[in-house]
């Protein structure tokens, strides 16, 4: 809970900044406010909107100083294994991104899950918010030859979710994102990361619970584990406003009595309605028995600049 208190104090501190400095003055806080409360940013300066929301491999780009971007959507997941069927729905998948400087952004994510379960046994449907996730994205390098454009995401979660999907702990994660892009805007990207207890991702929390229930003589509590991840994605421009991506990603647990490995392939399309507004669609499938059989999602993002 200490991490949660520090996060809340940090948010309060940001809210109080205007009382101790103003944009344009020479104080420490005034310099920061110059970055946050900058003038209207042009599309020529920022480029078209780019999101993190629908594919597993996120963008190495930050939103830019003074920009606020909202991303959200809906996803459906289907899984059938060992005589049990799960149909899960998630929304709003809301990510708020706030540009503190050109290279640093503040992030906050909220989501809600409905999971309907059927099987030979009497299974209870689940209905709960996930734990809130928050953190920073920091841009590291620009592309230069074989050196990719890259960024790191430092992620944490607070145990604010409902009883069905909360981990009941403060969690921590890290993600290194990297991308190469050629003159024709084809891209090759990847991410390498980890999160304690899967950062409360509902499907991973469920798998951890199943692994624990399957352990002989267990008391039914929640195992602590670390989820490692790796992904690779290829982006292909289809038209001036449309981009296709193809992606593989895997998630691998360590620390459970019965560790799991999840492998997925998915594809999606982004369509740019305006330079500040994009919509997206994705569809994917699991590549092994433990993974979801099918998932689809729709959503989009809008930025204020």
C-alpha atoms as a PDB file:
ATOM      1  CA  UNK A   1       0.000   0.000   0.000  1.00  0.00           C
ATOM      2  CA  UNK A   2       3.004   2.321   0.441  1.00  0.00           C
ATOM      3  CA  UNK A   3       3.374   2.614  -3.347  1.00  0.00           C
ATOM      4  CA  UNK A   4      -0.292   3.586  -3.676  1.00  0.00           C
ATOM      5  CA  UNK A   5       0.111   6.348  -1.082  1.00  0.00           C
ATOM      6  CA  UNK A   6       3.151   7.710  -2.899  1.00  0.00           C
ATOM      7  CA  UNK A   7       1.216   7.747  -6.168  1.00  0.00           C
ATOM      8  CA  UNK A   8      -1.715   9.617  -4.649  1.00  0.00           C
ATOM      9  CA  UNK A   9       0.630  12.150  -3.058  1.00  0.00           C
ATOM     10  CA  UNK A  10       2.320  12.663  -6.427  1.00  0.00           C
ATOM     11  CA  UNK A  11      -1.043  13.366  -8.093  1.00  0.00           C
ATOM     12  CA  UNK A  12      -1.932  15.848  -5.339  1.00  0.00           C
ATOM     13  CA  UNK A  13       1.448  17.489  -5.815  1.00  0.00           C
ATOM     14  CA  UNK A  14       0.838  17.958  -9.531  1.00  0.00           C
ATOM     15  CA  UNK A  15      -2.547  19.505  -8.775  1.00  0.00           C
ATOM     16  CA  UNK A  16      -0.903  21.987  -6.384  1.00  0.00           C
ATOM     17  CA  UNK A  17       1.818  23.095  -8.804  1.00  0.00           C
ATOM     18  CA  UNK A  18      -0.151  26.110 -10.136  1.00  0.00           C
ATOM     19  CA  UNK A  19      -0.249  27.536  -6.593  1.00  0.00           C
ATOM     20  CA  UNK A  20       3.540  27.591  -6.217  1.00  0.00           C
ATOM     21  CA  UNK A  21       4.626  28.684  -9.684  1.00  0.00           C
ATOM     22  CA  UNK A  22       3.312  29.956 -12.982  1.00  0.00           C
ATOM     23  CA  UNK A  23       4.251  29.347 -16.582  1.00  0.00           C
ATOM     24  CA  UNK A  24       6.953  31.766 -17.722  1.00  0.00           C
ATOM     25  CA  UNK A  25       8.420  32.527 -14.290  1.00  0.00           C
ATOM     26  CA  UNK A  26      11.927  31.484 -13.234  1.00  0.00           C
ATOM     27  CA  UNK A  27      10.939  29.164 -10.397  1.00  0.00           C
ATOM     28  CA  UNK A  28      11.526  25.422 -10.449  1.00  0.00           C
ATOM     29  CA  UNK A  29       7.803  24.753 -10.800  1.00  0.00           C
ATOM     30  CA  UNK A  30       7.378  27.482 -13.389  1.00  0.00           C
ATOM     31  CA  UNK A  31       9.816  25.693 -15.677  1.00  0.00           C
ATOM     32  CA  UNK A  32       7.815  22.496 -15.394  1.00  0.00           C
ATOM     33  CA  UNK A  33       4.566  24.348 -16.060  1.00  0.00           C
ATOM     34  CA  UNK A  34       6.057  25.815 -19.238  1.00  0.00           C
ATOM     35  CA  UNK A  35       6.234  22.211 -20.474  1.00  0.00           C
ATOM     36  CA  UNK A  36       2.750  21.200 -19.328  1.00  0.00           C
ATOM     37  CA  UNK A  37       0.843  24.365 -20.248  1.00  0.00           C
ATOM     38  CA  UNK A  38       2.504  25.030 -23.602  1.00  0.00           C
ATOM     39  CA  UNK A  39       0.720  26.693 -26.516  1.00  0.00           C
ATOM     40  CA  UNK A  40      -1.367  24.797 -29.064  1.00  0.00           C
ATOM     41  CA  UNK A  41       0.801  22.235 -30.884  1.00  0.00           C
ATOM     42  CA  UNK A  42       0.604  21.916 -34.669  1.00  0.00           C
ATOM     43  CA  UNK A  43       0.136  18.662 -36.601  1.00  0.00           C
ATOM     44  CA  UNK A  44       3.286  19.494 -38.553  1.00  0.00           C
ATOM     45  CA  UNK A  45       5.180  19.557 -35.268  1.00  0.00           C
ATOM     46  CA  UNK A  46       3.642  16.424 -33.719  1.00  0.00           C
ATOM     47  CA  UNK A  47       2.714  14.307 -36.728  1.00  0.00           C
ATOM     48  CA  UNK A  48      -0.517  12.262 -36.847  1.00  0.00           C
ATOM     49  CA  UNK A  49      -1.780  10.615 -33.671  1.00  0.00           C
ATOM     50  CA  UNK A  50      -0.167   7.314 -32.692  1.00  0.00           C
ATOM     51  CA  UNK A  51      -1.631   5.018 -30.040  1.00  0.00           C
ATOM     52  CA  UNK A  52      -0.528   2.277 -27.658  1.00  0.00           C
ATOM     53  CA  UNK A  53      -3.910   0.677 -27.128  1.00  0.00           C
ATOM     54  CA  UNK A  54      -4.770  -2.210 -29.444  1.00  0.00           C
ATOM     55  CA  UNK A  55      -1.638  -4.238 -30.187  1.00  0.00           C
ATOM     56  CA  UNK A  56       0.572  -5.739 -27.491  1.00  0.00           C
ATOM     57  CA  UNK A  57       3.705  -3.977 -28.824  1.00  0.00           C
ATOM     58  CA  UNK A  58       3.352  -0.350 -27.873  1.00  0.00           C
ATOM     59  CA  UNK A  59       4.812   2.680 -29.616  1.00  0.00           C
ATOM     60  CA  UNK A  60       8.229   4.044 -28.593  1.00  0.00           C
ATOM     61  CA  UNK A  61       6.878   7.578 -29.047  1.00  0.00           C
ATOM     62  CA  UNK A  62       5.558   9.816 -26.292  1.00  0.00           C
ATOM     63  CA  UNK A  63       2.605  12.140 -26.913  1.00  0.00           C
ATOM     64  CA  UNK A  64       4.644  15.356 -26.579  1.00  0.00           C
ATOM     65  CA  UNK A  65       4.710  18.207 -24.086  1.00  0.00           C
ATOM     66  CA  UNK A  66       1.313  19.701 -23.326  1.00  0.00           C
ATOM     67  CA  UNK A  67      -0.631  16.974 -25.161  1.00  0.00           C
ATOM     68  CA  UNK A  68      -3.397  14.947 -23.488  1.00  0.00           C
ATOM     69  CA  UNK A  69      -4.474  11.752 -25.254  1.00  0.00           C
ATOM     70  CA  UNK A  70      -7.344   9.395 -24.402  1.00  0.00           C
ATOM     71  CA  UNK A  71      -7.398   5.817 -25.699  1.00  0.00           C
ATOM     72  CA  UNK A  72     -10.110   3.234 -25.143  1.00  0.00           C
ATOM     73  CA  UNK A  73     -12.219   0.471 -26.600  1.00  0.00           C
ATOM     74  CA  UNK A  74     -13.945  -2.880 -26.178  1.00  0.00           C
ATOM     75  CA  UNK A  75     -12.573  -6.444 -26.435  1.00  0.00           C
ATOM     76  CA  UNK A  76     -14.094  -9.918 -26.470  1.00  0.00           C
ATOM     77  CA  UNK A  77     -12.167 -13.073 -25.480  1.00  0.00           C
ATOM     78  CA  UNK A  78     -13.239 -16.706 -25.944  1.00  0.00           C
ATOM     79  CA  UNK A  79     -11.581 -19.763 -24.430  1.00  0.00           C
ATOM     80  CA  UNK A  80     -12.658 -23.400 -24.288  1.00  0.00           C
ATOM     81  CA  UNK A  81     -10.513 -25.915 -22.413  1.00  0.00           C
ATOM     82  CA  UNK A  82     -11.059 -29.121 -20.406  1.00  0.00           C
ATOM     83  CA  UNK A  83     -14.847 -28.926 -20.723  1.00  0.00           C
ATOM     84  CA  UNK A  84     -15.017 -25.303 -19.530  1.00  0.00           C
ATOM     85  CA  UNK A  85     -15.875 -22.256 -21.637  1.00  0.00           C
ATOM     86  CA  UNK A  86     -15.069 -18.636 -20.805  1.00  0.00           C
ATOM     87  CA  UNK A  87     -16.476 -15.605 -22.640  1.00  0.00           C
ATOM     88  CA  UNK A  88     -15.005 -12.331 -21.408  1.00  0.00           C
ATOM     89  CA  UNK A  89     -15.868  -8.725 -22.255  1.00  0.00           C
ATOM     90  CA  UNK A  90     -13.701  -5.738 -21.309  1.00  0.00           C
ATOM     91  CA  UNK A  91     -14.289  -1.994 -21.538  1.00  0.00           C
ATOM     92  CA  UNK A  92     -13.490   0.933 -21.404  1.00  0.00           C
ATOM     93  CA  UNK A  93      -9.780  -0.061 -21.560  1.00  0.00           C
ATOM     94  CA  UNK A  94      -9.202   3.626 -20.854  1.00  0.00           C
ATOM     95  CA  UNK A  95      -5.628   4.920 -21.002  1.00  0.00           C
ATOM     96  CA  UNK A  96      -4.996   8.603 -20.270  1.00  0.00           C
ATOM     97  CA  UNK A  97      -1.621   9.889 -21.477  1.00  0.00           C
ATOM     98  CA  UNK A  98      -0.344  13.315 -20.415  1.00  0.00           C
ATOM     99  CA  UNK A  99       2.787  14.804 -21.954  1.00  0.00           C
ATOM    100  CA  UNK A 100       4.982  16.284 -19.208  1.00  0.00           C
ATOM    101  CA  UNK A 101       7.929  17.020 -21.526  1.00  0.00           C
ATOM    102  CA  UNK A 102       8.739  15.980 -25.095  1.00  0.00           C
ATOM    103  CA  UNK A 103      10.318  12.776 -23.794  1.00  0.00           C
ATOM    104  CA  UNK A 104       8.231  11.979 -20.687  1.00  0.00           C
ATOM    105  CA  UNK A 105       4.548  11.180 -20.326  1.00  0.00           C
ATOM    106  CA  UNK A 106       2.353  10.277 -17.358  1.00  0.00           C
ATOM    107  CA  UNK A 107      -0.067   7.359 -17.846  1.00  0.00           C
ATOM    108  CA  UNK A 108      -3.190   6.093 -16.072  1.00  0.00           C
ATOM    109  CA  UNK A 109      -5.201   2.994 -17.084  1.00  0.00           C
ATOM    110  CA  UNK A 110      -8.640   1.776 -15.940  1.00  0.00           C
ATOM    111  CA  UNK A 111     -10.669  -1.227 -17.125  1.00  0.00           C
ATOM    112  CA  UNK A 112     -13.679  -3.382 -16.239  1.00  0.00           C
ATOM    113  CA  UNK A 113     -14.238  -7.092 -16.981  1.00  0.00           C
ATOM    114  CA  UNK A 114     -17.317  -9.313 -17.302  1.00  0.00           C
ATOM    115  CA  UNK A 115     -16.508 -13.022 -17.530  1.00  0.00           C
ATOM    116  CA  UNK A 116     -19.183 -15.675 -18.168  1.00  0.00           C
ATOM    117  CA  UNK A 117     -18.155 -19.273 -17.445  1.00  0.00           C
ATOM    118  CA  UNK A 118     -19.839 -22.577 -18.317  1.00  0.00           C
ATOM    119  CA  UNK A 119     -18.789 -26.162 -17.629  1.00  0.00           C
ATOM    120  CA  UNK A 120     -19.589 -29.481 -16.062  1.00  0.00           C
ATOM    121  CA  UNK A 121     -19.080 -27.981 -12.607  1.00  0.00           C
ATOM    122  CA  UNK A 122     -21.132 -25.108 -11.189  1.00  0.00           C
ATOM    123  CA  UNK A 123     -18.971 -22.119 -12.164  1.00  0.00           C
ATOM    124  CA  UNK A 124     -19.593 -18.579 -10.946  1.00  0.00           C
ATOM    125  CA  UNK A 125     -19.569 -15.673 -13.403  1.00  0.00           C
ATOM    126  CA  UNK A 126     -17.097 -12.910 -12.600  1.00  0.00           C
ATOM    127  CA  UNK A 127     -17.735  -9.170 -12.743  1.00  0.00           C
ATOM    128  CA  UNK A 128     -15.111  -6.731 -11.505  1.00  0.00           C
ATOM    129  CA  UNK A 129     -12.856  -3.767 -12.186  1.00  0.00           C
ATOM    130  CA  UNK A 130      -9.184  -4.452 -12.697  1.00  0.00           C
ATOM    131  CA  UNK A 131      -6.586  -2.765 -10.523  1.00  0.00           C
ATOM    132  CA  UNK A 132      -5.687   0.750 -11.691  1.00  0.00           C
ATOM    133  CA  UNK A 133      -2.322   0.933 -13.446  1.00  0.00           C
ATOM    134  CA  UNK A 134      -0.174   4.051 -13.595  1.00  0.00           C
ATOM    135  CA  UNK A 135       3.324   4.970 -14.608  1.00  0.00           C
ATOM    136  CA  UNK A 136       5.631   6.830 -16.955  1.00  0.00           C
ATOM    137  CA  UNK A 137       6.880   6.394 -20.486  1.00  0.00           C
ATOM    138  CA  UNK A 138      10.353   7.788 -21.169  1.00  0.00           C
ATOM    139  CA  UNK A 139      11.739   8.158 -24.700  1.00  0.00           C
ATOM    140  CA  UNK A 140      15.327   6.911 -24.932  1.00  0.00           C
ATOM    141  CA  UNK A 141      16.797   6.925 -28.446  1.00  0.00           C
ATOM    142  CA  UNK A 142      15.936   8.074 -31.950  1.00  0.00           C
ATOM    143  CA  UNK A 143      16.481   5.759 -34.894  1.00  0.00           C
ATOM    144  CA  UNK A 144      20.008   6.029 -36.284  1.00  0.00           C
ATOM    145  CA  UNK A 145      21.115   3.234 -38.599  1.00  0.00           C
ATOM    146  CA  UNK A 146      20.758  -0.034 -36.710  1.00  0.00           C
ATOM    147  CA  UNK A 147      19.949   1.805 -33.475  1.00  0.00           C
ATOM    148  CA  UNK A 148      16.152   1.708 -33.071  1.00  0.00           C
ATOM    149  CA  UNK A 149      13.838   4.377 -31.790  1.00  0.00           C
ATOM    150  CA  UNK A 150      13.159   3.218 -28.239  1.00  0.00           C
ATOM    151  CA  UNK A 151      11.437   3.970 -24.959  1.00  0.00           C
ATOM    152  CA  UNK A 152      10.847   2.410 -21.558  1.00  0.00           C
ATOM    153  CA  UNK A 153       7.597   2.185 -19.628  1.00  0.00           C
ATOM    154  CA  UNK A 154       7.769   2.046 -15.859  1.00  0.00           C
ATOM    155  CA  UNK A 155       4.447   0.619 -14.668  1.00  0.00           C
ATOM    156  CA  UNK A 156       2.785   0.086 -11.300  1.00  0.00           C
ATOM    157  CA  UNK A 157      -0.667  -0.930 -10.145  1.00  0.00           C
ATOM    158  CA  UNK A 158      -2.646  -0.240  -6.986  1.00  0.00           C
ATOM    159  CA  UNK A 159      -5.071  -2.813  -5.464  1.00  0.00           C
ATOM    160  CA  UNK A 160      -8.195  -0.798  -6.335  1.00  0.00           C
ATOM    161  CA  UNK A 161     -10.030  -3.464  -8.356  1.00  0.00           C
ATOM    162  CA  UNK A 162     -12.980  -5.606  -7.385  1.00  0.00           C
ATOM    163  CA  UNK A 163     -12.544  -8.880  -5.548  1.00  0.00           C
ATOM    164  CA  UNK A 164     -12.722 -11.039  -8.691  1.00  0.00           C
ATOM    165  CA  UNK A 165      -9.609  -9.621 -10.371  1.00  0.00           C
ATOM    166  CA  UNK A 166      -7.555  -7.602  -7.890  1.00  0.00           C
ATOM    167  CA  UNK A 167      -4.155  -8.968  -6.866  1.00  0.00           C
ATOM    168  CA  UNK A 168      -4.568  -7.317  -3.424  1.00  0.00           C
ATOM    169  CA  UNK A 169      -0.992  -6.028  -3.728  1.00  0.00           C
ATOM    170  CA  UNK A 170       0.917  -3.100  -5.198  1.00  0.00           C
ATOM    171  CA  UNK A 171       2.569  -4.407  -8.364  1.00  0.00           C
ATOM    172  CA  UNK A 172       5.480  -3.231 -10.495  1.00  0.00           C
ATOM    173  CA  UNK A 173       6.489  -3.727 -14.124  1.00  0.00           C
ATOM    174  CA  UNK A 174       8.901  -2.594 -16.819  1.00  0.00           C
ATOM    175  CA  UNK A 175       8.676  -2.644 -20.624  1.00  0.00           C
ATOM    176  CA  UNK A 176      11.417  -1.836 -23.152  1.00  0.00           C
ATOM    177  CA  UNK A 177       9.956  -0.898 -26.568  1.00  0.00           C
ATOM    178  CA  UNK A 178      11.970  -0.536 -29.787  1.00  0.00           C
ATOM    179  CA  UNK A 179      11.162   0.113 -33.446  1.00  0.00           C
ATOM    180  CA  UNK A 180      12.845   0.417 -36.840  1.00  0.00           C
ATOM    181  CA  UNK A 181      11.030   2.255 -39.656  1.00  0.00           C
ATOM    182  CA  UNK A 182      12.088   2.625 -43.307  1.00  0.00           C
ATOM    183  CA  UNK A 183      11.479   5.415 -45.824  1.00  0.00           C
ATOM    184  CA  UNK A 184       8.236   3.780 -46.997  1.00  0.00           C
ATOM    185  CA  UNK A 185       6.895   3.754 -43.395  1.00  0.00           C
ATOM    186  CA  UNK A 186       7.118  -0.023 -43.016  1.00  0.00           C
ATOM    187  CA  UNK A 187       8.036  -0.795 -39.424  1.00  0.00           C
ATOM    188  CA  UNK A 188       9.465  -3.631 -37.367  1.00  0.00           C
ATOM    189  CA  UNK A 189       8.973  -3.317 -33.617  1.00  0.00           C
ATOM    190  CA  UNK A 190       9.243  -5.342 -30.455  1.00  0.00           C
ATOM    191  CA  UNK A 191       8.903  -5.154 -26.700  1.00  0.00           C
ATOM    192  CA  UNK A 192      10.528  -6.968 -23.799  1.00  0.00           C
ATOM    193  CA  UNK A 193       9.063  -6.665 -20.311  1.00  0.00           C
ATOM    194  CA  UNK A 194       7.862  -8.116 -17.056  1.00  0.00           C
ATOM    195  CA  UNK A 195       5.229  -7.445 -14.406  1.00  0.00           C
ATOM    196  CA  UNK A 196       4.730  -8.830 -10.914  1.00  0.00           C
ATOM    197  CA  UNK A 197       1.460 -10.806 -10.733  1.00  0.00           C
ATOM    198  CA  UNK A 198       0.928  -9.846 -14.374  1.00  0.00           C
ATOM    199  CA  UNK A 199       0.084  -6.310 -13.189  1.00  0.00           C
ATOM    200  CA  UNK A 200      -3.409  -7.592 -12.441  1.00  0.00           C
ATOM    201  CA  UNK A 201      -4.298  -8.474 -16.053  1.00  0.00           C
ATOM    202  CA  UNK A 202      -7.559 -10.386 -15.605  1.00  0.00           C
ATOM    203  CA  UNK A 203      -6.639 -13.397 -17.756  1.00  0.00           C
ATOM    204  CA  UNK A 204      -3.281 -13.856 -15.994  1.00  0.00           C
ATOM    205  CA  UNK A 205      -4.818 -13.537 -12.532  1.00  0.00           C
ATOM    206  CA  UNK A 206      -7.302 -16.247 -13.555  1.00  0.00           C
ATOM    207  CA  UNK A 207      -4.564 -18.585 -14.783  1.00  0.00           C
ATOM    208  CA  UNK A 208      -2.617 -18.086 -11.560  1.00  0.00           C
ATOM    209  CA  UNK A 209      -5.723 -19.011  -9.562  1.00  0.00           C
ATOM    210  CA  UNK A 210      -6.239 -22.156 -11.642  1.00  0.00           C
ATOM    211  CA  UNK A 211      -2.623 -23.186 -11.127  1.00  0.00           C
ATOM    212  CA  UNK A 212      -3.056 -22.761  -7.402  1.00  0.00           C
ATOM    213  CA  UNK A 213      -6.348 -24.668  -7.276  1.00  0.00           C
ATOM    214  CA  UNK A 214      -4.663 -27.519  -9.112  1.00  0.00           C
ATOM    215  CA  UNK A 215      -1.939 -27.843  -6.485  1.00  0.00           C
ATOM    216  CA  UNK A 216      -2.600 -30.710  -4.087  1.00  0.00           C
ATOM    217  CA  UNK A 217      -3.332 -29.619  -0.531  1.00  0.00           C
ATOM    218  CA  UNK A 218      -3.489 -25.924  -1.372  1.00  0.00           C
ATOM    219  CA  UNK A 219      -5.601 -23.550   0.690  1.00  0.00           C
ATOM    220  CA  UNK A 220      -7.027 -21.680  -2.329  1.00  0.00           C
ATOM    221  CA  UNK A 221      -5.025 -18.474  -1.825  1.00  0.00           C
ATOM    222  CA  UNK A 222      -3.301 -16.454  -4.541  1.00  0.00           C
ATOM    223  CA  UNK A 223       0.219 -17.376  -5.622  1.00  0.00           C
ATOM    224  CA  UNK A 224       2.654 -14.535  -6.309  1.00  0.00           C
ATOM    225  CA  UNK A 225       4.355 -14.768  -9.691  1.00  0.00           C
ATOM    226  CA  UNK A 226       6.165 -12.717 -12.340  1.00  0.00           C
ATOM    227  CA  UNK A 227       4.952 -12.564 -15.950  1.00  0.00           C
ATOM    228  CA  UNK A 228       7.640 -12.025 -18.583  1.00  0.00           C
ATOM    229  CA  UNK A 229       6.696 -10.966 -22.114  1.00  0.00           C
ATOM    230  CA  UNK A 230       8.184 -10.712 -25.584  1.00  0.00           C
ATOM    231  CA  UNK A 231       6.628  -9.478 -28.806  1.00  0.00           C
ATOM    232  CA  UNK A 232       7.435  -8.649 -32.414  1.00  0.00           C
ATOM    233  CA  UNK A 233       5.207  -6.666 -34.770  1.00  0.00           C
ATOM    234  CA  UNK A 234       5.337  -5.575 -38.407  1.00  0.00           C
ATOM    235  CA  UNK A 235       3.470  -2.473 -39.566  1.00  0.00           C
ATOM    236  CA  UNK A 236       2.502  -1.999 -43.227  1.00  0.00           C
ATOM    237  CA  UNK A 237       0.878   1.168 -44.634  1.00  0.00           C
ATOM    238  CA  UNK A 238      -2.111   0.210 -46.804  1.00  0.00           C
ATOM    239  CA  UNK A 239      -3.150   3.742 -47.773  1.00  0.00           C
ATOM    240  CA  UNK A 240      -2.560   7.323 -46.671  1.00  0.00           C
ATOM    241  CA  UNK A 241      -4.888   6.931 -43.663  1.00  0.00           C
ATOM    242  CA  UNK A 242      -4.719   3.153 -43.072  1.00  0.00           C
ATOM    243  CA  UNK A 243      -2.080   0.901 -41.547  1.00  0.00           C
ATOM    244  CA  UNK A 244      -2.055  -2.883 -41.087  1.00  0.00           C
ATOM    245  CA  UNK A 245      -0.055  -4.657 -38.409  1.00  0.00           C
ATOM    246  CA  UNK A 246       0.805  -8.320 -37.849  1.00  0.00           C
ATOM    247  CA  UNK A 247       2.070  -9.394 -34.441  1.00  0.00           C
ATOM    248  CA  UNK A 248       3.263 -12.285 -32.312  1.00  0.00           C
ATOM    249  CA  UNK A 249       3.486 -11.999 -28.545  1.00  0.00           C
ATOM    250  CA  UNK A 250       4.151 -14.398 -25.720  1.00  0.00           C
ATOM    251  CA  UNK A 251       3.664 -14.265 -21.939  1.00  0.00           C
ATOM    252  CA  UNK A 252       5.555 -16.602 -19.634  1.00  0.00           C
ATOM    253  CA  UNK A 253       5.034 -16.955 -15.878  1.00  0.00           C
ATOM    254  CA  UNK A 254       7.647 -17.747 -13.259  1.00  0.00           C
ATOM    255  CA  UNK A 255       6.972 -18.505  -9.607  1.00  0.00           C
ATOM    256  CA  UNK A 256       3.779 -20.585  -9.797  1.00  0.00           C
ATOM    257  CA  UNK A 257       3.597 -24.258  -8.855  1.00  0.00           C
ATOM    258  CA  UNK A 258       2.412 -24.860 -12.429  1.00  0.00           C
ATOM    259  CA  UNK A 259       3.812 -22.088 -14.654  1.00  0.00           C
ATOM    260  CA  UNK A 260       1.984 -21.148 -17.839  1.00  0.00           C
ATOM    261  CA  UNK A 261       3.136 -20.147 -21.326  1.00  0.00           C
ATOM    262  CA  UNK A 262       0.826 -18.167 -23.622  1.00  0.00           C
ATOM    263  CA  UNK A 263       1.527 -17.608 -27.332  1.00  0.00           C
ATOM    264  CA  UNK A 264      -0.628 -15.432 -29.600  1.00  0.00           C
ATOM    265  CA  UNK A 265      -0.835 -14.127 -33.136  1.00  0.00           C
ATOM    266  CA  UNK A 266      -3.007 -11.153 -34.062  1.00  0.00           C
ATOM    267  CA  UNK A 267      -3.610  -8.651 -36.836  1.00  0.00           C
ATOM    268  CA  UNK A 268      -5.213  -5.247 -36.824  1.00  0.00           C
ATOM    269  CA  UNK A 269      -5.963  -2.103 -38.794  1.00  0.00           C
ATOM    270  CA  UNK A 270      -5.718   1.576 -37.815  1.00  0.00           C
ATOM    271  CA  UNK A 271      -7.777   4.147 -39.733  1.00  0.00           C
ATOM    272  CA  UNK A 272      -7.001   7.833 -39.289  1.00  0.00           C
ATOM    273  CA  UNK A 273     -10.217   9.899 -39.277  1.00  0.00           C
ATOM    274  CA  UNK A 274      -8.322  13.151 -38.620  1.00  0.00           C
ATOM    275  CA  UNK A 275      -4.724  13.850 -37.571  1.00  0.00           C
ATOM    276  CA  UNK A 276      -5.965  13.764 -33.942  1.00  0.00           C
ATOM    277  CA  UNK A 277      -8.539  10.949 -34.101  1.00  0.00           C
ATOM    278  CA  UNK A 278      -7.970   7.291 -34.989  1.00  0.00           C
ATOM    279  CA  UNK A 279     -10.109   4.150 -34.821  1.00  0.00           C
ATOM    280  CA  UNK A 280      -8.840   0.565 -34.796  1.00  0.00           C
ATOM    281  CA  UNK A 281      -9.886  -3.074 -35.150  1.00  0.00           C
ATOM    282  CA  UNK A 282      -7.994  -6.242 -34.190  1.00  0.00           C
ATOM    283  CA  UNK A 283      -8.495  -9.995 -34.269  1.00  0.00           C
ATOM    284  CA  UNK A 284      -6.235 -12.704 -32.886  1.00  0.00           C
ATOM    285  CA  UNK A 285      -5.930 -16.284 -31.740  1.00  0.00           C
ATOM    286  CA  UNK A 286      -3.960 -18.299 -29.246  1.00  0.00           C
ATOM    287  CA  UNK A 287      -1.249 -20.594 -30.549  1.00  0.00           C
ATOM    288  CA  UNK A 288      -1.246 -23.060 -27.662  1.00  0.00           C
ATOM    289  CA  UNK A 289      -3.825 -24.750 -25.416  1.00  0.00           C
ATOM    290  CA  UNK A 290      -3.488 -22.423 -22.431  1.00  0.00           C
ATOM    291  CA  UNK A 291      -4.014 -19.257 -24.505  1.00  0.00           C
ATOM    292  CA  UNK A 292      -7.393 -17.749 -25.434  1.00  0.00           C
ATOM    293  CA  UNK A 293      -8.841 -19.372 -28.560  1.00  0.00           C
ATOM    294  CA  UNK A 294     -10.052 -16.079 -30.044  1.00  0.00           C
ATOM    295  CA  UNK A 295     -10.078 -12.381 -29.246  1.00  0.00           C
ATOM    296  CA  UNK A 296     -11.414  -9.360 -31.141  1.00  0.00           C
ATOM    297  CA  UNK A 297     -11.473  -5.680 -30.279  1.00  0.00           C
ATOM    298  CA  UNK A 298     -12.498  -2.247 -31.515  1.00  0.00           C
ATOM    299  CA  UNK A 299     -11.573   1.160 -30.209  1.00  0.00           C
ATOM    300  CA  UNK A 300      -9.804   4.374 -30.876  1.00  0.00           C
ATOM    301  CA  UNK A 301      -8.075   7.427 -29.510  1.00  0.00           C
ATOM    302  CA  UNK A 302      -8.338  11.199 -29.525  1.00  0.00           C
ATOM    303  CA  UNK A 303      -5.746  13.795 -28.527  1.00  0.00           C
ATOM    304  CA  UNK A 304      -5.996  17.360 -27.326  1.00  0.00           C
ATOM    305  CA  UNK A 305      -3.057  19.509 -28.366  1.00  0.00           C
END
